[in-house]
Amino acid sequence: MKKAAFLTQKGPKAVGPYSTAFCVDNLVFLSGMIPVNPASGKIEAADVEGQARQVLENLSTVLAEMGLTLGDVVKTTVFMTDLAAFGRVNAIYAESFREPFPARSCVQVGALPMGAQIEIEAIAVRPE
């Protein structure tokens, strides 16, 4: 079994002691991403739609560094501080992913790092 940690150079830096992603053979496990602008290191969007777009852009950036795209994602877990915004987040999510959509779980949480309203973690598969 081949294992390797990955630390992003272009995406947002980790806010704790963890890898941006961890690869096991052809599986890529991406840590949860919050809506931090990599250039400023801050959450700039105030609304959940803007935050969702930034999170998906961050995921896309990190995947691209690894030679992957959002099309290689097979599973996501979405953490939200308010599920009342579920429909609005779904609309943004649908702009980034195409059919067949990845499997997905969505859960409401009490709080997220840096006051974020949304966080998304993902699992991708490297094409053989």
N, C-alpha and C. Protein backbone atom coordinates (compact mmCIF):
# COMPACT_ATOMS: atom_id res chain seq x y z
N MET A 1 0.85 -1.18 0.00
CA MET A 1 0.00 0.00 0.00
C MET A 1 0.90 1.24 0.00
N LYS A 2 0.60 2.16 -0.91
CA LYS A 2 1.37 3.39 -1.02
C LYS A 2 0.61 4.53 -0.35
N LYS A 3 1.27 5.23 0.60
CA LYS A 3 0.64 6.33 1.32
C LYS A 3 1.53 7.57 1.23
N ALA A 4 0.89 8.74 1.09
CA ALA A 4 1.65 9.99 1.03
C ALA A 4 0.77 11.17 1.44
N ALA A 5 1.33 12.06 2.24
CA ALA A 5 0.65 13.29 2.63
C ALA A 5 0.89 14.35 1.56
N PHE A 6 -0.04 15.29 1.44
CA PHE A 6 0.08 16.38 0.48
C PHE A 6 -0.23 17.69 1.19
N LEU A 7 0.64 18.67 1.03
CA LEU A 7 0.43 20.02 1.57
C LEU A 7 0.34 20.99 0.40
N THR A 8 -0.75 21.74 0.34
CA THR A 8 -0.99 22.66 -0.77
C THR A 8 0.01 23.82 -0.78
N GLN A 9 0.33 24.27 -1.96
CA GLN A 9 1.14 25.48 -2.15
C GLN A 9 0.26 26.62 -2.68
N LYS A 10 -0.90 26.27 -3.27
CA LYS A 10 -1.75 27.27 -3.91
C LYS A 10 -3.08 27.48 -3.20
N GLY A 11 -3.54 26.48 -2.47
CA GLY A 11 -4.81 26.58 -1.76
C GLY A 11 -4.61 27.15 -0.37
N PRO A 12 -5.70 27.23 0.40
CA PRO A 12 -5.59 27.76 1.76
C PRO A 12 -4.75 26.84 2.65
N LYS A 13 -3.98 27.45 3.52
CA LYS A 13 -3.13 26.67 4.42
C LYS A 13 -3.98 26.07 5.54
N ALA A 14 -3.56 24.94 6.05
CA ALA A 14 -4.26 24.27 7.15
C ALA A 14 -4.27 25.17 8.38
N VAL A 15 -5.36 25.11 9.13
CA VAL A 15 -5.48 25.89 10.36
C VAL A 15 -5.19 25.02 11.58
N GLY A 16 -4.57 23.89 11.35
CA GLY A 16 -4.23 22.97 12.44
C GLY A 16 -3.19 21.98 11.97
N PRO A 17 -2.86 21.01 12.82
CA PRO A 17 -1.83 20.02 12.48
C PRO A 17 -2.39 18.87 11.64
N TYR A 18 -2.62 19.13 10.36
CA TYR A 18 -3.12 18.10 9.46
C TYR A 18 -2.67 18.38 8.03
N SER A 19 -2.72 17.36 7.21
CA SER A 19 -2.36 17.48 5.80
C SER A 19 -3.54 18.02 5.01
N THR A 20 -3.25 18.73 3.93
CA THR A 20 -4.31 19.19 3.04
C THR A 20 -5.04 17.98 2.46
N ALA A 21 -4.27 16.97 2.10
CA ALA A 21 -4.83 15.73 1.56
C ALA A 21 -3.90 14.59 1.95
N PHE A 22 -4.45 13.40 1.88
CA PHE A 22 -3.66 12.20 2.15
C PHE A 22 -4.03 11.18 1.08
N CYS A 23 -3.01 10.67 0.41
CA CYS A 23 -3.23 9.72 -0.67
C CYS A 23 -2.91 8.31 -0.20
N VAL A 24 -3.80 7.39 -0.52
CA VAL A 24 -3.58 5.97 -0.26
C VAL A 24 -3.87 5.26 -1.57
N ASP A 25 -2.81 4.73 -2.18
CA ASP A 25 -2.91 4.15 -3.52
C ASP A 25 -3.56 5.18 -4.45
N ASN A 26 -4.69 4.86 -5.07
CA ASN A 26 -5.31 5.82 -5.99
C ASN A 26 -6.42 6.65 -5.34
N LEU A 27 -6.59 6.52 -4.03
CA LEU A 27 -7.59 7.31 -3.32
C LEU A 27 -6.95 8.57 -2.75
N VAL A 28 -7.67 9.69 -2.85
CA VAL A 28 -7.20 10.96 -2.33
C VAL A 28 -8.24 11.48 -1.34
N PHE A 29 -7.86 11.61 -0.09
CA PHE A 29 -8.73 12.10 0.97
C PHE A 29 -8.37 13.55 1.25
N LEU A 30 -9.29 14.46 0.90
CA LEU A 30 -9.04 15.89 1.10
C LEU A 30 -9.64 16.33 2.43
N SER A 31 -8.84 17.00 3.23
CA SER A 31 -9.32 17.54 4.50
C SER A 31 -10.42 18.56 4.23
N GLY A 32 -11.24 18.81 5.23
CA GLY A 32 -12.29 19.80 5.09
C GLY A 32 -11.73 21.16 4.73
N MET A 33 -12.37 21.81 3.78
CA MET A 33 -11.96 23.14 3.34
C MET A 33 -13.01 24.14 3.78
N ILE A 34 -12.55 25.23 4.35
CA ILE A 34 -13.44 26.33 4.69
C ILE A 34 -13.21 27.45 3.68
N PRO A 35 -14.07 28.48 3.66
CA PRO A 35 -14.01 29.50 2.61
C PRO A 35 -12.94 30.57 2.79
N VAL A 36 -11.73 30.14 3.06
CA VAL A 36 -10.62 31.08 3.22
C VAL A 36 -10.06 31.43 1.84
N ASN A 37 -9.90 32.71 1.58
CA ASN A 37 -9.23 33.15 0.36
C ASN A 37 -7.75 32.87 0.56
N PRO A 38 -7.13 32.04 -0.30
CA PRO A 38 -5.72 31.70 -0.11
C PRO A 38 -4.79 32.92 -0.13
N ALA A 39 -5.15 33.95 -0.88
CA ALA A 39 -4.29 35.14 -0.98
C ALA A 39 -4.27 35.95 0.31
N SER A 40 -5.43 36.08 0.95
CA SER A 40 -5.52 36.92 2.15
C SER A 40 -5.46 36.11 3.44
N GLY A 41 -5.78 34.81 3.35
CA GLY A 41 -5.84 33.99 4.56
C GLY A 41 -7.07 34.27 5.40
N LYS A 42 -8.05 34.96 4.80
CA LYS A 42 -9.26 35.35 5.54
C LYS A 42 -10.52 34.88 4.82
N ILE A 43 -11.60 34.78 5.59
CA ILE A 43 -12.92 34.54 5.00
C ILE A 43 -13.45 35.90 4.58
N GLU A 44 -13.67 36.07 3.29
CA GLU A 44 -14.08 37.37 2.77
C GLU A 44 -15.57 37.44 2.47
N ALA A 45 -16.17 36.33 2.06
CA ALA A 45 -17.60 36.32 1.73
C ALA A 45 -18.43 36.27 3.01
N ALA A 46 -19.44 37.12 3.09
CA ALA A 46 -20.29 37.14 4.27
C ALA A 46 -21.47 36.17 4.14
N ASP A 47 -21.93 35.94 2.90
CA ASP A 47 -23.10 35.09 2.70
C ASP A 47 -22.68 33.65 2.39
N VAL A 48 -23.59 32.72 2.65
CA VAL A 48 -23.27 31.30 2.47
C VAL A 48 -23.01 30.95 1.01
N GLU A 49 -23.67 31.65 0.09
CA GLU A 49 -23.42 31.38 -1.33
C GLU A 49 -21.97 31.72 -1.70
N GLY A 50 -21.52 32.87 -1.30
CA GLY A 50 -20.14 33.27 -1.58
C GLY A 50 -19.15 32.35 -0.90
N GLN A 51 -19.48 31.93 0.32
CA GLN A 51 -18.60 31.01 1.03
C GLN A 51 -18.56 29.65 0.35
N ALA A 52 -19.71 29.17 -0.13
CA ALA A 52 -19.75 27.87 -0.83
C ALA A 52 -18.91 27.94 -2.10
N ARG A 53 -19.02 29.04 -2.84
CA ARG A 53 -18.21 29.20 -4.06
C ARG A 53 -16.72 29.17 -3.74
N GLN A 54 -16.32 29.85 -2.66
CA GLN A 54 -14.90 29.88 -2.29
C GLN A 54 -14.41 28.50 -1.88
N VAL A 55 -15.23 27.77 -1.12
CA VAL A 55 -14.84 26.41 -0.72
C VAL A 55 -14.63 25.53 -1.94
N LEU A 56 -15.57 25.58 -2.88
CA LEU A 56 -15.46 24.75 -4.08
C LEU A 56 -14.28 25.18 -4.95
N GLU A 57 -14.00 26.47 -4.98
CA GLU A 57 -12.81 26.95 -5.70
C GLU A 57 -11.54 26.43 -5.02
N ASN A 58 -11.53 26.44 -3.68
CA ASN A 58 -10.37 25.92 -2.94
C ASN A 58 -10.17 24.44 -3.22
N LEU A 59 -11.26 23.67 -3.20
CA LEU A 59 -11.15 22.24 -3.50
C LEU A 59 -10.60 22.03 -4.91
N SER A 60 -11.13 22.79 -5.86
CA SER A 60 -10.69 22.68 -7.25
C SER A 60 -9.21 23.01 -7.39
N THR A 61 -8.76 24.04 -6.69
CA THR A 61 -7.35 24.45 -6.74
C THR A 61 -6.44 23.35 -6.21
N VAL A 62 -6.79 22.79 -5.07
CA VAL A 62 -5.97 21.73 -4.47
C VAL A 62 -5.97 20.49 -5.36
N LEU A 63 -7.14 20.12 -5.88
CA LEU A 63 -7.20 18.97 -6.79
C LEU A 63 -6.31 19.20 -8.01
N ALA A 64 -6.36 20.41 -8.57
CA ALA A 64 -5.55 20.72 -9.75
C ALA A 64 -4.05 20.58 -9.45
N GLU A 65 -3.65 20.98 -8.25
CA GLU A 65 -2.24 20.81 -7.85
C GLU A 65 -1.83 19.34 -7.88
N MET A 66 -2.82 18.47 -7.67
CA MET A 66 -2.56 17.04 -7.62
C MET A 66 -2.84 16.36 -8.96
N GLY A 67 -3.15 17.16 -9.99
CA GLY A 67 -3.44 16.61 -11.31
C GLY A 67 -4.84 16.05 -11.43
N LEU A 68 -5.75 16.53 -10.59
CA LEU A 68 -7.13 16.04 -10.57
C LEU A 68 -8.10 17.19 -10.78
N THR A 69 -9.38 16.85 -10.96
CA THR A 69 -10.44 17.85 -11.09
C THR A 69 -11.60 17.46 -10.18
N LEU A 70 -12.58 18.34 -10.10
CA LEU A 70 -13.79 18.01 -9.34
C LEU A 70 -14.49 16.79 -9.93
N GLY A 71 -14.26 16.51 -11.20
CA GLY A 71 -14.83 15.32 -11.84
C GLY A 71 -14.27 14.02 -11.29
N ASP A 72 -13.15 14.08 -10.60
CA ASP A 72 -12.55 12.89 -9.98
C ASP A 72 -13.08 12.63 -8.57
N VAL A 73 -13.88 13.56 -8.05
CA VAL A 73 -14.43 13.42 -6.69
C VAL A 73 -15.56 12.41 -6.70
N VAL A 74 -15.52 11.47 -5.75
CA VAL A 74 -16.55 10.43 -5.66
C VAL A 74 -17.43 10.58 -4.41
N LYS A 75 -16.98 11.38 -3.43
CA LYS A 75 -17.75 11.55 -2.20
C LYS A 75 -17.40 12.88 -1.57
N THR A 76 -18.42 13.60 -1.10
CA THR A 76 -18.18 14.81 -0.32
C THR A 76 -18.99 14.74 0.96
N THR A 77 -18.50 15.43 1.96
CA THR A 77 -19.27 15.66 3.17
C THR A 77 -19.32 17.17 3.36
N VAL A 78 -20.53 17.70 3.45
CA VAL A 78 -20.75 19.13 3.59
C VAL A 78 -21.18 19.40 5.03
N PHE A 79 -20.48 20.30 5.68
CA PHE A 79 -20.82 20.72 7.04
C PHE A 79 -21.33 22.15 6.95
N MET A 80 -22.51 22.40 7.51
CA MET A 80 -23.11 23.74 7.47
C MET A 80 -23.54 24.14 8.87
N THR A 81 -23.46 25.42 9.16
CA THR A 81 -23.92 25.89 10.46
C THR A 81 -25.42 26.16 10.47
N ASP A 82 -26.05 26.19 9.30
CA ASP A 82 -27.50 26.43 9.21
C ASP A 82 -28.07 25.71 7.99
N LEU A 83 -28.77 24.60 8.24
CA LEU A 83 -29.35 23.84 7.12
C LEU A 83 -30.49 24.56 6.42
N ALA A 84 -30.94 25.68 6.97
CA ALA A 84 -31.95 26.47 6.27
C ALA A 84 -31.40 26.99 4.94
N ALA A 85 -30.08 27.04 4.82
CA ALA A 85 -29.43 27.50 3.58
C ALA A 85 -29.14 26.34 2.62
N PHE A 86 -29.65 25.15 2.92
CA PHE A 86 -29.36 23.95 2.13
C PHE A 86 -29.67 24.15 0.65
N GLY A 87 -30.83 24.70 0.33
CA GLY A 87 -31.22 24.90 -1.07
C GLY A 87 -30.29 25.84 -1.81
N ARG A 88 -29.87 26.91 -1.14
CA ARG A 88 -28.96 27.87 -1.77
C ARG A 88 -27.59 27.24 -2.01
N VAL A 89 -27.13 26.43 -1.06
CA VAL A 89 -25.85 25.75 -1.22
C VAL A 89 -25.95 24.71 -2.34
N ASN A 90 -27.08 24.00 -2.41
CA ASN A 90 -27.28 23.01 -3.49
C ASN A 90 -27.12 23.65 -4.86
N ALA A 91 -27.66 24.85 -5.02
CA ALA A 91 -27.58 25.54 -6.32
C ALA A 91 -26.12 25.83 -6.68
N ILE A 92 -25.33 26.26 -5.71
CA ILE A 92 -23.90 26.54 -5.95
C ILE A 92 -23.16 25.24 -6.23
N TYR A 93 -23.46 24.22 -5.45
CA TYR A 93 -22.83 22.90 -5.60
C TYR A 93 -23.06 22.36 -7.02
N ALA A 94 -24.29 22.51 -7.50
CA ALA A 94 -24.65 22.01 -8.84
C ALA A 94 -23.90 22.75 -9.95
N GLU A 95 -23.42 23.96 -9.68
CA GLU A 95 -22.62 24.69 -10.67
C GLU A 95 -21.23 24.07 -10.84
N SER A 96 -20.75 23.38 -9.81
CA SER A 96 -19.38 22.85 -9.82
C SER A 96 -19.28 21.38 -10.20
N PHE A 97 -20.29 20.61 -9.87
CA PHE A 97 -20.27 19.17 -10.14
C PHE A 97 -21.24 18.83 -11.25
N ARG A 98 -20.90 17.81 -12.02
CA ARG A 98 -21.75 17.33 -13.12
C ARG A 98 -22.16 15.90 -12.85
N GLU A 99 -23.21 15.46 -13.53
CA GLU A 99 -23.65 14.07 -13.41
C GLU A 99 -22.63 13.14 -14.03
N PRO A 100 -22.40 12.00 -13.48
CA PRO A 100 -22.99 11.52 -12.23
C PRO A 100 -22.37 12.24 -11.04
N PHE A 101 -23.23 12.80 -10.19
CA PHE A 101 -22.76 13.55 -9.03
C PHE A 101 -22.09 12.62 -8.02
N PRO A 102 -21.12 13.15 -7.28
CA PRO A 102 -20.50 12.34 -6.23
C PRO A 102 -21.54 12.01 -5.14
N ALA A 103 -21.29 10.93 -4.42
CA ALA A 103 -22.10 10.66 -3.23
C ALA A 103 -21.87 11.83 -2.27
N ARG A 104 -22.85 12.12 -1.41
CA ARG A 104 -22.71 13.28 -0.53
C ARG A 104 -23.48 13.09 0.75
N SER A 105 -22.92 13.59 1.82
CA SER A 105 -23.62 13.72 3.09
C SER A 105 -23.60 15.20 3.44
N CYS A 106 -24.62 15.67 4.14
CA CYS A 106 -24.67 17.06 4.57
C CYS A 106 -25.19 17.08 6.00
N VAL A 107 -24.44 17.71 6.88
CA VAL A 107 -24.83 17.76 8.29
C VAL A 107 -24.72 19.18 8.82
N GLN A 108 -25.59 19.49 9.78
CA GLN A 108 -25.50 20.78 10.45
C GLN A 108 -24.60 20.62 11.67
N VAL A 109 -23.75 21.62 11.88
CA VAL A 109 -22.83 21.62 13.01
C VAL A 109 -23.02 22.91 13.81
N GLY A 110 -22.57 22.89 15.05
CA GLY A 110 -22.73 24.07 15.92
C GLY A 110 -21.85 25.24 15.51
N ALA A 111 -20.65 24.95 15.05
CA ALA A 111 -19.72 26.00 14.65
C ALA A 111 -18.63 25.40 13.77
N LEU A 112 -17.98 26.26 12.99
CA LEU A 112 -16.87 25.86 12.13
C LEU A 112 -15.69 26.81 12.38
N PRO A 113 -14.48 26.39 12.04
CA PRO A 113 -13.31 27.24 12.26
C PRO A 113 -13.45 28.61 11.59
N MET A 114 -12.92 29.62 12.26
CA MET A 114 -12.86 30.99 11.75
C MET A 114 -14.24 31.59 11.48
N GLY A 115 -15.30 31.02 12.06
CA GLY A 115 -16.64 31.55 11.86
C GLY A 115 -17.26 31.20 10.52
N ALA A 116 -16.68 30.23 9.81
CA ALA A 116 -17.21 29.82 8.51
C ALA A 116 -18.63 29.29 8.66
N GLN A 117 -19.41 29.42 7.59
CA GLN A 117 -20.77 28.88 7.55
C GLN A 117 -20.81 27.52 6.86
N ILE A 118 -19.73 27.17 6.14
CA ILE A 118 -19.72 25.92 5.39
C ILE A 118 -18.29 25.37 5.32
N GLU A 119 -18.20 24.06 5.31
CA GLU A 119 -16.93 23.35 5.13
C GLU A 119 -17.24 22.11 4.30
N ILE A 120 -16.36 21.77 3.38
CA ILE A 120 -16.56 20.57 2.56
C ILE A 120 -15.28 19.75 2.56
N GLU A 121 -15.42 18.45 2.84
CA GLU A 121 -14.30 17.52 2.67
C GLU A 121 -14.66 16.60 1.52
N ALA A 122 -13.65 16.00 0.91
CA ALA A 122 -13.91 15.20 -0.29
C ALA A 122 -12.98 14.00 -0.38
N ILE A 123 -13.45 13.02 -1.13
CA ILE A 123 -12.64 11.86 -1.50
C ILE A 123 -12.64 11.81 -3.02
N ALA A 124 -11.45 11.71 -3.59
CA ALA A 124 -11.31 11.62 -5.04
C ALA A 124 -10.56 10.34 -5.39
N VAL A 125 -10.70 9.92 -6.64
CA VAL A 125 -10.00 8.73 -7.12
C VAL A 125 -9.14 9.14 -8.31
N ARG A 126 -7.87 8.80 -8.25
CA ARG A 126 -6.96 9.05 -9.38
C ARG A 126 -7.30 8.07 -10.50
N PRO A 127 -7.45 8.56 -11.72
CA PRO A 127 -7.68 7.64 -12.84
C PRO A 127 -6.48 6.70 -13.00
N GLU A 128 -6.75 5.49 -13.40
CA GLU A 128 -5.66 4.51 -13.56
C GLU A 128 -5.00 4.64 -14.91
